[in-house]
Amino acid sequence: MPYVRMNDSFFSGWGDAKGKTNVYVVECDDDEQAEQIKEAAEQRPEMSDIQIVDDMPEEHSGVIITHRHYDELSGPWKA
């Protein structure tokens, strides 16, 4: 199962991510969904370091994970 991980500068540094980098992860059912999410993320200026990975990234010092499944997304993510 592929995951698309990206750094989200909009949600980094405040709230639960105060002093941390917010890594946004979208779990996909297949490579086609992952490519679609990657392409959508590349159009968003707040997203950087966008990668398709095989394993769910883990939180560690300085990082907080926001996780969604492909089916939870709408709007520009699936346009």
N, C-alpha and C. Protein backbone atom coordinates (compact mmCIF):
# COMPACT_ATOMS: atom_id res chain seq x y z
N MET A 1 0.84 -1.17 0.00
CA MET A 1 0.00 0.00 0.00
C MET A 1 0.90 1.24 0.00
N PRO A 2 0.76 2.11 -0.98
CA PRO A 2 1.59 3.31 -1.03
C PRO A 2 1.06 4.43 -0.13
N TYR A 3 1.99 5.24 0.31
CA TYR A 3 1.68 6.44 1.09
C TYR A 3 2.34 7.62 0.39
N VAL A 4 1.66 8.76 0.40
CA VAL A 4 2.27 9.99 -0.08
C VAL A 4 2.54 10.84 1.15
N ARG A 5 3.82 11.20 1.36
CA ARG A 5 4.20 12.01 2.51
C ARG A 5 4.73 13.34 2.01
N MET A 6 4.43 14.38 2.76
CA MET A 6 4.85 15.72 2.38
C MET A 6 4.95 16.58 3.63
N ASN A 7 5.85 17.54 3.60
CA ASN A 7 5.93 18.51 4.69
C ASN A 7 4.90 19.60 4.44
N ASP A 8 4.12 19.92 5.44
CA ASP A 8 3.07 20.92 5.34
C ASP A 8 3.49 22.17 6.12
N SER A 9 3.95 23.18 5.41
CA SER A 9 4.44 24.39 6.09
C SER A 9 3.31 25.19 6.72
N PHE A 10 2.08 25.05 6.22
CA PHE A 10 0.96 25.81 6.78
C PHE A 10 0.66 25.37 8.21
N PHE A 11 0.67 24.07 8.47
CA PHE A 11 0.34 23.56 9.80
C PHE A 11 1.56 23.28 10.67
N SER A 12 2.74 23.53 10.17
CA SER A 12 3.95 23.34 10.97
C SER A 12 4.16 24.53 11.89
N GLY A 13 4.63 24.27 13.10
CA GLY A 13 5.06 25.33 13.99
C GLY A 13 4.02 25.92 14.91
N TRP A 14 2.77 25.43 14.88
CA TRP A 14 1.77 25.96 15.80
C TRP A 14 0.78 24.86 16.17
N GLY A 15 -0.03 25.11 17.18
CA GLY A 15 -0.97 24.10 17.67
C GLY A 15 -0.21 22.88 18.14
N ASP A 16 -0.70 21.68 17.78
CA ASP A 16 -0.03 20.44 18.17
C ASP A 16 1.37 20.33 17.55
N ALA A 17 1.62 21.09 16.49
CA ALA A 17 2.91 21.04 15.81
C ALA A 17 3.84 22.18 16.23
N LYS A 18 3.54 22.83 17.34
CA LYS A 18 4.40 23.94 17.79
C LYS A 18 5.83 23.44 17.97
N GLY A 19 6.77 24.08 17.28
CA GLY A 19 8.17 23.69 17.36
C GLY A 19 8.50 22.44 16.57
N LYS A 20 7.56 21.98 15.73
CA LYS A 20 7.76 20.74 14.97
C LYS A 20 7.41 20.95 13.51
N THR A 21 7.77 19.98 12.70
CA THR A 21 7.37 19.94 11.29
C THR A 21 6.16 19.03 11.19
N ASN A 22 5.10 19.52 10.56
CA ASN A 22 3.92 18.70 10.33
C ASN A 22 4.11 17.94 9.01
N VAL A 23 4.13 16.62 9.10
CA VAL A 23 4.23 15.77 7.91
C VAL A 23 2.83 15.23 7.63
N TYR A 24 2.31 15.59 6.47
CA TYR A 24 0.98 15.16 6.05
C TYR A 24 1.15 13.89 5.23
N VAL A 25 0.43 12.83 5.62
CA VAL A 25 0.55 11.53 4.97
C VAL A 25 -0.82 11.10 4.47
N VAL A 26 -0.89 10.74 3.19
CA VAL A 26 -2.12 10.23 2.60
C VAL A 26 -1.90 8.76 2.26
N GLU A 27 -2.69 7.90 2.88
CA GLU A 27 -2.65 6.47 2.60
C GLU A 27 -3.49 6.19 1.36
N CYS A 28 -2.92 5.50 0.41
CA CYS A 28 -3.61 5.22 -0.85
C CYS A 28 -3.79 3.71 -1.02
N ASP A 29 -4.77 3.34 -1.84
CA ASP A 29 -5.04 1.93 -2.09
C ASP A 29 -4.16 1.36 -3.20
N ASP A 30 -3.69 2.25 -4.10
CA ASP A 30 -2.88 1.76 -5.22
C ASP A 30 -1.99 2.89 -5.74
N ASP A 31 -1.13 2.54 -6.69
CA ASP A 31 -0.18 3.50 -7.24
C ASP A 31 -0.86 4.64 -7.99
N GLU A 32 -1.98 4.36 -8.63
CA GLU A 32 -2.71 5.40 -9.37
C GLU A 32 -3.19 6.50 -8.43
N GLN A 33 -3.77 6.11 -7.30
CA GLN A 33 -4.20 7.10 -6.31
C GLN A 33 -3.00 7.89 -5.78
N ALA A 34 -1.91 7.19 -5.51
CA ALA A 34 -0.71 7.86 -4.99
C ALA A 34 -0.18 8.89 -5.97
N GLU A 35 -0.13 8.56 -7.24
CA GLU A 35 0.33 9.52 -8.25
C GLU A 35 -0.59 10.73 -8.32
N GLN A 36 -1.90 10.50 -8.21
CA GLN A 36 -2.87 11.59 -8.24
C GLN A 36 -2.65 12.54 -7.06
N ILE A 37 -2.46 11.99 -5.88
CA ILE A 37 -2.23 12.81 -4.69
C ILE A 37 -0.90 13.55 -4.80
N LYS A 38 0.12 12.88 -5.28
CA LYS A 38 1.43 13.53 -5.46
C LYS A 38 1.31 14.72 -6.40
N GLU A 39 0.63 14.54 -7.52
CA GLU A 39 0.45 15.63 -8.48
C GLU A 39 -0.33 16.78 -7.87
N ALA A 40 -1.37 16.48 -7.10
CA ALA A 40 -2.16 17.53 -6.45
C ALA A 40 -1.30 18.27 -5.42
N ALA A 41 -0.50 17.54 -4.66
CA ALA A 41 0.36 18.16 -3.65
C ALA A 41 1.39 19.09 -4.29
N GLU A 42 1.89 18.72 -5.46
CA GLU A 42 2.87 19.54 -6.15
C GLU A 42 2.30 20.88 -6.59
N GLN A 43 0.98 21.00 -6.64
CA GLN A 43 0.32 22.25 -7.00
C GLN A 43 0.06 23.14 -5.79
N ARG A 44 0.33 22.65 -4.61
CA ARG A 44 0.05 23.38 -3.37
C ARG A 44 1.35 23.98 -2.83
N PRO A 45 1.42 25.30 -2.71
CA PRO A 45 2.67 25.95 -2.30
C PRO A 45 3.10 25.63 -0.87
N GLU A 46 2.17 25.21 -0.02
CA GLU A 46 2.53 24.90 1.37
C GLU A 46 3.12 23.51 1.54
N MET A 47 3.10 22.71 0.48
CA MET A 47 3.62 21.34 0.55
C MET A 47 5.00 21.26 -0.08
N SER A 48 5.91 20.55 0.59
CA SER A 48 7.26 20.35 0.06
C SER A 48 7.73 18.95 0.40
N ASP A 49 8.86 18.57 -0.17
CA ASP A 49 9.45 17.25 0.06
C ASP A 49 8.41 16.14 -0.13
N ILE A 50 7.74 16.16 -1.27
CA ILE A 50 6.65 15.24 -1.58
C ILE A 50 7.23 13.94 -2.12
N GLN A 51 6.84 12.84 -1.49
CA GLN A 51 7.38 11.53 -1.87
C GLN A 51 6.31 10.46 -1.76
N ILE A 52 6.39 9.48 -2.64
CA ILE A 52 5.59 8.26 -2.50
C ILE A 52 6.49 7.24 -1.82
N VAL A 53 6.01 6.69 -0.71
CA VAL A 53 6.80 5.73 0.08
C VAL A 53 5.97 4.47 0.33
N ASP A 54 6.66 3.39 0.66
CA ASP A 54 6.00 2.10 0.87
C ASP A 54 5.51 1.88 2.29
N ASP A 55 6.10 2.58 3.25
CA ASP A 55 5.75 2.38 4.66
C ASP A 55 5.23 3.67 5.27
N MET A 56 4.33 3.52 6.21
CA MET A 56 3.79 4.67 6.93
C MET A 56 4.90 5.36 7.71
N PRO A 57 5.15 6.65 7.45
CA PRO A 57 6.15 7.36 8.24
C PRO A 57 5.76 7.40 9.71
N GLU A 58 6.76 7.47 10.57
CA GLU A 58 6.53 7.49 12.00
C GLU A 58 6.92 8.84 12.58
N GLU A 59 6.22 9.23 13.64
CA GLU A 59 6.59 10.44 14.35
C GLU A 59 7.91 10.21 15.06
N HIS A 60 8.70 11.24 15.12
CA HIS A 60 9.93 11.22 15.90
C HIS A 60 10.20 12.65 16.35
N SER A 61 11.27 12.85 17.05
CA SER A 61 11.58 14.16 17.60
C SER A 61 11.50 15.23 16.52
N GLY A 62 10.70 16.24 16.75
CA GLY A 62 10.59 17.35 15.82
C GLY A 62 9.59 17.15 14.70
N VAL A 63 8.88 16.02 14.70
CA VAL A 63 7.93 15.72 13.62
C VAL A 63 6.60 15.28 14.21
N ILE A 64 5.52 15.79 13.65
CA ILE A 64 4.18 15.31 13.98
C ILE A 64 3.53 14.86 12.67
N ILE A 65 2.82 13.76 12.72
CA ILE A 65 2.19 13.18 11.53
C ILE A 65 0.70 13.50 11.53
N THR A 66 0.21 13.99 10.39
CA THR A 66 -1.22 14.09 10.14
C THR A 66 -1.52 13.06 9.07
N HIS A 67 -2.42 12.11 9.36
CA HIS A 67 -2.67 10.97 8.48
C HIS A 67 -4.11 10.98 8.00
N ARG A 68 -4.28 10.80 6.71
CA ARG A 68 -5.61 10.66 6.11
C ARG A 68 -5.57 9.52 5.10
N HIS A 69 -6.73 8.92 4.87
CA HIS A 69 -6.86 7.94 3.80
C HIS A 69 -7.39 8.65 2.56
N TYR A 70 -7.03 8.17 1.41
CA TYR A 70 -7.47 8.74 0.14
C TYR A 70 -8.97 8.99 0.11
N ASP A 71 -9.75 8.05 0.64
CA ASP A 71 -11.22 8.17 0.61
C ASP A 71 -11.74 9.33 1.45
N GLU A 72 -10.94 9.86 2.37
CA GLU A 72 -11.35 10.98 3.21
C GLU A 72 -11.17 12.33 2.51
N LEU A 73 -10.45 12.36 1.40
CA LEU A 73 -10.12 13.61 0.73
C LEU A 73 -11.15 13.98 -0.32
N SER A 74 -11.19 15.26 -0.64
CA SER A 74 -12.09 15.74 -1.70
C SER A 74 -11.48 17.01 -2.29
N GLY A 75 -12.28 17.71 -3.07
CA GLY A 75 -11.86 18.99 -3.63
C GLY A 75 -10.62 18.89 -4.49
N PRO A 76 -9.65 19.82 -4.27
CA PRO A 76 -8.48 19.86 -5.13
C PRO A 76 -7.61 18.61 -5.06
N TRP A 77 -7.73 17.84 -3.99
CA TRP A 77 -6.93 16.61 -3.90
C TRP A 77 -7.37 15.60 -4.95
N LYS A 78 -8.63 15.65 -5.36
CA LYS A 78 -9.14 14.66 -6.32
C LYS A 78 -9.60 15.29 -7.63
N ALA A 79 -9.30 16.55 -7.82
CA ALA A 79 -9.75 17.24 -9.05
C ALA A 79 -9.02 16.74 -10.27
